[in-house]
Amino acid sequence: MRRFSITCLVVTALVAALSGCAAPGAGGQWTKLIDAGKGIENFNRVDEANWSVVDGALQATEGGKVAAYLVSKASYKDFMLRAEFWSSDDANSGIFVRCQEPGKITDENCYEANIFDQRPDPTYGTGAIVKVAKAPDPMPKAGGKWNTYEITAQGTRLVLVLNGVKTVDVKDDKLASGPIALQWGRGTIKFRSLEIKPL
């Protein structure tokens, strides 16, 4: 009887261990970088914009002569990012990932998930990764409403989902890891949620 109990304990322990081994494949936990406008302490400011918390959202409505950014203090490699944002019709904004130079954000040294309904050339407007993957035709519009962006970066694969619709699924090996940046370039942009999960 005692030998049977010990066998049961060993089998139970093995099952638990195997279950634990499977867990990492499911990915990490979600971490809130911004939640109801709170979380600006997770970012550094680059250039001038009037970032502030208004009605539970982190927003910017004006700035200097050049685009301004909130750049995450942490760096990320493979992840899924979810953002809830509101943009005015004339907004020029974006979510930049895997940035290489935290003090100098560009669409050359980061991947930019664009938010720019009035981009003169809509090829890389809202729903695109600038200079990497084109927006669908017709280009989706984000202005005047709350939207969700889901951005997945895993190895060389980049996927954008805007309001439940996949707009980009592409491979690019230029950038492997780096901080995240939120842009104000023109108009009004608001972020009420931003969360990330490592993959």
C-alpha atoms as a PDB file:
ATOM      1  CA  MET A   1       0.000   0.000   0.000  1.00  0.00           C
ATOM      2  CA  ARG A   2       2.801   2.349   0.878  1.00  0.00           C
ATOM      3  CA  ARG A   3       4.658   1.504  -2.351  1.00  0.00           C
ATOM      4  CA  PHE A   4       1.473   2.371  -4.337  1.00  0.00           C
ATOM      5  CA  SER A   5       1.237   5.769  -2.586  1.00  0.00           C
ATOM      6  CA  ILE A   6       4.853   6.577  -3.376  1.00  0.00           C
ATOM      7  CA  THR A   7       4.283   5.587  -7.024  1.00  0.00           C
ATOM      8  CA  CYS A   8       1.246   7.872  -7.169  1.00  0.00           C
ATOM      9  CA  LEU A   9       3.264  10.734  -5.723  1.00  0.00           C
ATOM     10  CA  VAL A  10       6.039  10.218  -8.289  1.00  0.00           C
ATOM     11  CA  VAL A  11       3.542  10.117 -11.184  1.00  0.00           C
ATOM     12  CA  THR A  12       1.770  13.241  -9.867  1.00  0.00           C
ATOM     13  CA  ALA A  13       5.112  15.053  -9.586  1.00  0.00           C
ATOM     14  CA  LEU A  14       6.078  14.064 -13.150  1.00  0.00           C
ATOM     15  CA  VAL A  15       2.747  15.284 -14.546  1.00  0.00           C
ATOM     16  CA  ALA A  16       3.149  18.595 -12.722  1.00  0.00           C
ATOM     17  CA  ALA A  17       6.723  18.950 -13.985  1.00  0.00           C
ATOM     18  CA  LEU A  18       5.699  18.238 -17.572  1.00  0.00           C
ATOM     19  CA  SER A  19       2.850  20.738 -17.303  1.00  0.00           C
ATOM     20  CA  GLY A  20       5.327  23.307 -16.047  1.00  0.00           C
ATOM     21  CA  CYS A  21       7.596  22.626 -19.024  1.00  0.00           C
ATOM     22  CA  ALA A  22       4.729  23.386 -21.416  1.00  0.00           C
ATOM     23  CA  ALA A  23       3.936  26.725 -19.788  1.00  0.00           C
ATOM     24  CA  PRO A  24       6.769  28.843 -21.320  1.00  0.00           C
ATOM     25  CA  GLY A  25       5.501  28.069 -24.820  1.00  0.00           C
ATOM     26  CA  ALA A  26       2.331  29.980 -23.970  1.00  0.00           C
ATOM     27  CA  GLY A  27       4.327  33.210 -23.620  1.00  0.00           C
ATOM     28  CA  GLY A  28       4.692  35.626 -20.727  1.00  0.00           C
ATOM     29  CA  GLN A  29       2.256  37.754 -18.792  1.00  0.00           C
ATOM     30  CA  TRP A  30       0.705  41.031 -19.950  1.00  0.00           C
ATOM     31  CA  THR A  31       2.325  44.139 -18.466  1.00  0.00           C
ATOM     32  CA  LYS A  32       0.508  47.468 -18.533  1.00  0.00           C
ATOM     33  CA  LEU A  33       2.757  50.283 -19.760  1.00  0.00           C
ATOM     34  CA  ILE A  34      -0.170  52.719 -19.756  1.00  0.00           C
ATOM     35  CA  ASP A  35      -3.476  52.104 -18.004  1.00  0.00           C
ATOM     36  CA  ALA A  36      -6.220  54.762 -18.031  1.00  0.00           C
ATOM     37  CA  GLY A  37      -3.615  57.432 -18.716  1.00  0.00           C
ATOM     38  CA  LYS A  38      -1.256  56.350 -15.947  1.00  0.00           C
ATOM     39  CA  GLY A  39       2.190  55.040 -16.705  1.00  0.00           C
ATOM     40  CA  ILE A  40       4.101  57.972 -18.160  1.00  0.00           C
ATOM     41  CA  GLU A  41       6.833  57.111 -15.627  1.00  0.00           C
ATOM     42  CA  ASN A  42       7.664  54.115 -17.874  1.00  0.00           C
ATOM     43  CA  PHE A  43       8.763  56.519 -20.633  1.00  0.00           C
ATOM     44  CA  ASN A  44      11.313  59.231 -21.368  1.00  0.00           C
ATOM     45  CA  ARG A  45      10.291  62.363 -23.273  1.00  0.00           C
ATOM     46  CA  VAL A  46      12.062  63.151 -26.530  1.00  0.00           C
ATOM     47  CA  ASP A  47      11.407  66.623 -27.985  1.00  0.00           C
ATOM     48  CA  GLU A  48       8.441  68.837 -27.120  1.00  0.00           C
ATOM     49  CA  ALA A  49       4.769  67.910 -26.825  1.00  0.00           C
ATOM     50  CA  ASN A  50       2.203  68.686 -24.130  1.00  0.00           C
ATOM     51  CA  TRP A  51       1.707  65.096 -22.946  1.00  0.00           C
ATOM     52  CA  SER A  52      -0.773  65.030 -20.066  1.00  0.00           C
ATOM     53  CA  VAL A  53      -3.478  62.837 -18.556  1.00  0.00           C
ATOM     54  CA  VAL A  54      -7.003  64.011 -19.452  1.00  0.00           C
ATOM     55  CA  ASP A  55     -10.190  62.022 -18.735  1.00  0.00           C
ATOM     56  CA  GLY A  56      -8.259  58.805 -18.172  1.00  0.00           C
ATOM     57  CA  ALA A  57      -6.138  59.028 -21.317  1.00  0.00           C
ATOM     58  CA  LEU A  58      -2.570  60.107 -21.965  1.00  0.00           C
ATOM     59  CA  GLN A  59      -2.774  62.710 -24.696  1.00  0.00           C
ATOM     60  CA  ALA A  60      -0.867  65.307 -26.676  1.00  0.00           C
ATOM     61  CA  THR A  61      -2.438  68.092 -28.726  1.00  0.00           C
ATOM     62  CA  GLU A  62       0.482  70.355 -29.600  1.00  0.00           C
ATOM     63  CA  GLY A  63       4.254  70.478 -29.607  1.00  0.00           C
ATOM     64  CA  GLY A  64       7.302  72.043 -31.173  1.00  0.00           C
ATOM     65  CA  LYS A  65       8.510  72.226 -34.748  1.00  0.00           C
ATOM     66  CA  VAL A  66       9.448  68.548 -34.897  1.00  0.00           C
ATOM     67  CA  ALA A  67       7.655  65.375 -33.869  1.00  0.00           C
ATOM     68  CA  ALA A  68       7.877  64.426 -30.199  1.00  0.00           C
ATOM     69  CA  TYR A  69       7.942  61.011 -28.548  1.00  0.00           C
ATOM     70  CA  LEU A  70       7.454  59.091 -25.353  1.00  0.00           C
ATOM     71  CA  VAL A  71      10.136  56.382 -25.430  1.00  0.00           C
ATOM     72  CA  SER A  72       9.941  53.351 -23.152  1.00  0.00           C
ATOM     73  CA  LYS A  73      12.748  52.946 -20.637  1.00  0.00           C
ATOM     74  CA  ALA A  74      12.743  49.188 -21.275  1.00  0.00           C
ATOM     75  CA  SER A  75      13.771  47.397 -24.456  1.00  0.00           C
ATOM     76  CA  TYR A  76      11.791  44.559 -26.062  1.00  0.00           C
ATOM     77  CA  LYS A  77      12.610  41.816 -28.556  1.00  0.00           C
ATOM     78  CA  ASP A  78       9.748  39.401 -29.303  1.00  0.00           C
ATOM     79  CA  PHE A  79       6.347  40.539 -28.056  1.00  0.00           C
ATOM     80  CA  MET A  80       2.689  41.281 -28.618  1.00  0.00           C
ATOM     81  CA  LEU A  81       1.638  44.885 -27.970  1.00  0.00           C
ATOM     82  CA  ARG A  82      -1.977  46.050 -27.564  1.00  0.00           C
ATOM     83  CA  ALA A  83      -2.882  49.732 -27.672  1.00  0.00           C
ATOM     84  CA  GLU A  84      -6.162  51.635 -27.373  1.00  0.00           C
ATOM     85  CA  PHE A  85      -5.862  55.030 -29.028  1.00  0.00           C
ATOM     86  CA  TRP A  86      -7.965  57.931 -30.264  1.00  0.00           C
ATOM     87  CA  SER A  87      -6.760  60.250 -33.012  1.00  0.00           C
ATOM     88  CA  SER A  88      -8.169  63.351 -34.589  1.00  0.00           C
ATOM     89  CA  ASP A  89      -8.771  63.274 -38.353  1.00  0.00           C
ATOM     90  CA  ASP A  90      -5.652  65.393 -38.921  1.00  0.00           C
ATOM     91  CA  ALA A  91      -3.407  63.486 -36.486  1.00  0.00           C
ATOM     92  CA  ASN A  92       0.061  62.378 -37.477  1.00  0.00           C
ATOM     93  CA  SER A  93       1.116  59.756 -34.957  1.00  0.00           C
ATOM     94  CA  GLY A  94       2.398  56.221 -34.710  1.00  0.00           C
ATOM     95  CA  ILE A  95       3.632  53.456 -32.468  1.00  0.00           C
ATOM     96  CA  PHE A  96       7.319  52.740 -33.026  1.00  0.00           C
ATOM     97  CA  VAL A  97       8.880  49.423 -31.977  1.00  0.00           C
ATOM     98  CA  ARG A  98      12.389  47.954 -31.820  1.00  0.00           C
ATOM     99  CA  CYS A  99      13.902  51.444 -31.890  1.00  0.00           C
ATOM    100  CA  GLN A 100      17.692  51.566 -32.227  1.00  0.00           C
ATOM    101  CA  GLU A 101      18.397  55.100 -30.973  1.00  0.00           C
ATOM    102  CA  PRO A 102      16.109  56.086 -28.058  1.00  0.00           C
ATOM    103  CA  GLY A 103      17.104  59.752 -28.332  1.00  0.00           C
ATOM    104  CA  LYS A 104      16.517  59.989 -32.084  1.00  0.00           C
ATOM    105  CA  ILE A 105      13.373  58.196 -33.249  1.00  0.00           C
ATOM    106  CA  THR A 106      12.794  57.778 -36.994  1.00  0.00           C
ATOM    107  CA  ASP A 107      10.947  55.430 -39.342  1.00  0.00           C
ATOM    108  CA  GLU A 108      14.384  54.248 -40.479  1.00  0.00           C
ATOM    109  CA  ASN A 109      15.715  53.060 -37.110  1.00  0.00           C
ATOM    110  CA  CYS A 110      12.365  51.765 -35.769  1.00  0.00           C
ATOM    111  CA  TYR A 111       9.371  49.929 -37.183  1.00  0.00           C
ATOM    112  CA  GLU A 112       6.488  52.457 -37.253  1.00  0.00           C
ATOM    113  CA  ALA A 113       2.897  51.257 -37.076  1.00  0.00           C
ATOM    114  CA  ASN A 114       1.480  54.410 -38.619  1.00  0.00           C
ATOM    115  CA  ILE A 115      -1.532  56.487 -37.517  1.00  0.00           C
ATOM    116  CA  PHE A 116      -1.819  59.099 -40.266  1.00  0.00           C
ATOM    117  CA  ASP A 117      -5.166  59.252 -42.105  1.00  0.00           C
ATOM    118  CA  GLN A 118      -4.184  62.348 -44.111  1.00  0.00           C
ATOM    119  CA  ARG A 119      -0.747  61.204 -45.231  1.00  0.00           C
ATOM    120  CA  PRO A 120      -0.246  62.767 -48.692  1.00  0.00           C
ATOM    121  CA  ASP A 121       0.835  59.388 -50.043  1.00  0.00           C
ATOM    122  CA  PRO A 122      -1.495  56.876 -48.352  1.00  0.00           C
ATOM    123  CA  THR A 123       0.753  53.950 -49.310  1.00  0.00           C
ATOM    124  CA  TYR A 124       2.275  53.972 -45.828  1.00  0.00           C
ATOM    125  CA  GLY A 125      -0.574  55.678 -43.977  1.00  0.00           C
ATOM    126  CA  THR A 126      -2.738  54.269 -41.184  1.00  0.00           C
ATOM    127  CA  GLY A 127      -2.415  50.486 -40.945  1.00  0.00           C
ATOM    128  CA  ALA A 128       1.041  50.327 -42.554  1.00  0.00           C
ATOM    129  CA  ILE A 129       4.562  49.821 -41.277  1.00  0.00           C
ATOM    130  CA  VAL A 130       6.304  52.800 -42.822  1.00  0.00           C
ATOM    131  CA  LYS A 131       8.847  51.872 -45.519  1.00  0.00           C
ATOM    132  CA  VAL A 132       8.356  48.156 -44.787  1.00  0.00           C
ATOM    133  CA  ALA A 133       4.748  47.093 -45.482  1.00  0.00           C
ATOM    134  CA  LYS A 134       2.031  49.044 -47.301  1.00  0.00           C
ATOM    135  CA  ALA A 135      -1.421  49.845 -45.949  1.00  0.00           C
ATOM    136  CA  PRO A 136      -4.404  48.014 -47.435  1.00  0.00           C
ATOM    137  CA  ASP A 137      -6.209  49.688 -50.318  1.00  0.00           C
ATOM    138  CA  PRO A 138      -8.364  51.527 -49.441  1.00  0.00           C
ATOM    139  CA  MET A 139      -6.357  52.695 -46.452  1.00  0.00           C
ATOM    140  CA  PRO A 140      -8.225  52.258 -43.121  1.00  0.00           C
ATOM    141  CA  LYS A 141      -9.108  55.404 -41.179  1.00  0.00           C
ATOM    142  CA  ALA A 142      -8.653  55.887 -37.437  1.00  0.00           C
ATOM    143  CA  GLY A 143      -9.686  59.528 -37.012  1.00  0.00           C
ATOM    144  CA  GLY A 144     -12.435  60.605 -34.635  1.00  0.00           C
ATOM    145  CA  LYS A 145     -12.888  57.318 -32.744  1.00  0.00           C
ATOM    146  CA  TRP A 146     -11.282  54.891 -30.330  1.00  0.00           C
ATOM    147  CA  ASN A 147      -9.237  52.188 -32.036  1.00  0.00           C
ATOM    148  CA  THR A 148      -7.186  49.143 -31.094  1.00  0.00           C
ATOM    149  CA  TYR A 149      -3.815  48.240 -32.534  1.00  0.00           C
ATOM    150  CA  GLU A 150      -2.289  44.818 -31.958  1.00  0.00           C
ATOM    151  CA  ILE A 151       1.355  44.679 -32.955  1.00  0.00           C
ATOM    152  CA  THR A 152       3.221  41.373 -32.948  1.00  0.00           C
ATOM    153  CA  ALA A 153       6.981  41.208 -33.444  1.00  0.00           C
ATOM    154  CA  GLN A 154       8.362  37.682 -33.320  1.00  0.00           C
ATOM    155  CA  GLY A 155      11.718  37.018 -34.916  1.00  0.00           C
ATOM    156  CA  THR A 156      11.558  38.504 -38.409  1.00  0.00           C
ATOM    157  CA  ARG A 157       7.746  38.395 -38.580  1.00  0.00           C
ATOM    158  CA  LEU A 158       5.733  41.588 -38.027  1.00  0.00           C
ATOM    159  CA  VAL A 159       1.917  41.570 -37.851  1.00  0.00           C
ATOM    160  CA  LEU A 160      -0.437  44.536 -37.418  1.00  0.00           C
ATOM    161  CA  VAL A 161      -4.113  44.165 -36.578  1.00  0.00           C
ATOM    162  CA  LEU A 162      -6.172  47.371 -36.572  1.00  0.00           C
ATOM    163  CA  ASN A 163      -9.662  47.134 -35.054  1.00  0.00           C
ATOM    164  CA  GLY A 164      -9.686  43.357 -35.523  1.00  0.00           C
ATOM    165  CA  VAL A 165      -8.547  43.434 -39.168  1.00  0.00           C
ATOM    166  CA  LYS A 166      -5.044  42.288 -40.142  1.00  0.00           C
ATOM    167  CA  THR A 167      -3.403  45.043 -42.191  1.00  0.00           C
ATOM    168  CA  VAL A 168       0.208  43.783 -42.278  1.00  0.00           C
ATOM    169  CA  ASP A 169       1.857  40.368 -42.143  1.00  0.00           C
ATOM    170  CA  VAL A 170       5.442  40.666 -43.321  1.00  0.00           C
ATOM    171  CA  LYS A 171       8.981  39.482 -42.661  1.00  0.00           C
ATOM    172  CA  ASP A 172      11.842  41.911 -42.171  1.00  0.00           C
ATOM    173  CA  ASP A 173      15.183  41.271 -40.473  1.00  0.00           C
ATOM    174  CA  LYS A 174      16.501  44.815 -40.166  1.00  0.00           C
ATOM    175  CA  LEU A 175      15.688  45.429 -36.474  1.00  0.00           C
ATOM    176  CA  ALA A 176      15.796  42.781 -33.742  1.00  0.00           C
ATOM    177  CA  SER A 177      15.000  44.608 -30.489  1.00  0.00           C
ATOM    178  CA  GLY A 178      14.695  48.005 -28.837  1.00  0.00           C
ATOM    179  CA  PRO A 179      12.371  50.375 -26.966  1.00  0.00           C
ATOM    180  CA  ILE A 180       8.817  51.362 -27.909  1.00  0.00           C
ATOM    181  CA  ALA A 181       7.934  54.972 -28.764  1.00  0.00           C
ATOM    182  CA  LEU A 182       4.616  56.836 -28.996  1.00  0.00           C
ATOM    183  CA  GLN A 183       4.561  59.782 -31.383  1.00  0.00           C
ATOM    184  CA  TRP A 184       2.893  63.142 -31.474  1.00  0.00           C
ATOM    185  CA  GLY A 185       3.446  64.818 -34.840  1.00  0.00           C
ATOM    186  CA  ARG A 186       0.246  66.786 -35.471  1.00  0.00           C
ATOM    187  CA  GLY A 187      -3.355  66.984 -34.300  1.00  0.00           C
ATOM    188  CA  THR A 188      -4.575  65.151 -31.187  1.00  0.00           C
ATOM    189  CA  ILE A 189      -3.516  61.669 -30.120  1.00  0.00           C
ATOM    190  CA  LYS A 190      -4.714  59.852 -26.982  1.00  0.00           C
ATOM    191  CA  PHE A 191      -3.644  56.530 -25.495  1.00  0.00           C
ATOM    192  CA  ARG A 192      -5.812  55.066 -22.716  1.00  0.00           C
ATOM    193  CA  SER A 193      -4.214  51.613 -22.681  1.00  0.00           C
ATOM    194  CA  LEU A 194      -0.904  50.126 -23.734  1.00  0.00           C
ATOM    195  CA  GLU A 195       0.137  46.640 -22.658  1.00  0.00           C
ATOM    196  CA  ILE A 196       2.819  44.205 -23.732  1.00  0.00           C
ATOM    197  CA  LYS A 197       3.431  40.468 -23.468  1.00  0.00           C
ATOM    198  CA  PRO A 198       6.770  38.798 -24.236  1.00  0.00           C
ATOM    199  CA  LEU A 199       6.687  35.901 -26.702  1.00  0.00           C
END
